[in-house]
Amino acid sequence: MLGCFVDYVQTEVSLSRDNRLVQIAEKNKMELSEYMDLYSPAVEWILQCLSHRAEEAALRAVLKKYQELNNAMLLSHILTSFEPSFISQNALALAVLIRETDASVYPKYKLYATLGMNLVLSAPPPGTCRSRSLSLSLALSLAPLPLLTNDSLHDS
């Protein structure tokens, strides 16, 4: 099944290079996000078959190939297909991938919600967050939030 996944990624990468996906969507009078939704069931099936009784190495192989594409819809299916324990062990790396993903076809907040659900279902292994302050500083560095001041509150 890894071969099927690799074929999908390589096909989408080659179609994306020359804007072919956008052209196909426009020709069919669709938004790119609508067109990409058509791929979703097949990609989900491939990943569910691939992840069934898989070792964590399978997740690493899928994530390595995913980085060639950087597609939020694909990352969503990865997060929902693999065991929560595998996802939680790689939570920080996945948070970085979510931050850097192309969210034109799937919103990032849903990816963060799915990652959070995996963390609830299976806590990260002990020792991955040495202290509460380290966890907080890592979280802030991964997803920086704008600071609110009294002036910015009154401006709106």
Foldseek 3Di string as FASTA:
>chain_A
DVVVLLVVLVVVLVCVVVVVLVVVQVVVPHHSLVVVVVCLVVLLVVLLVQQVVDDLVSLVSSVVSVVSPQAVSNLQSSLVRHQLQSLQQCVLVSLLSLLPGDPPNHDSVVVVVSSVVSCVVPPHDPPPQVDPVSVVVSVCVSPPDDDDDPVNVVVD
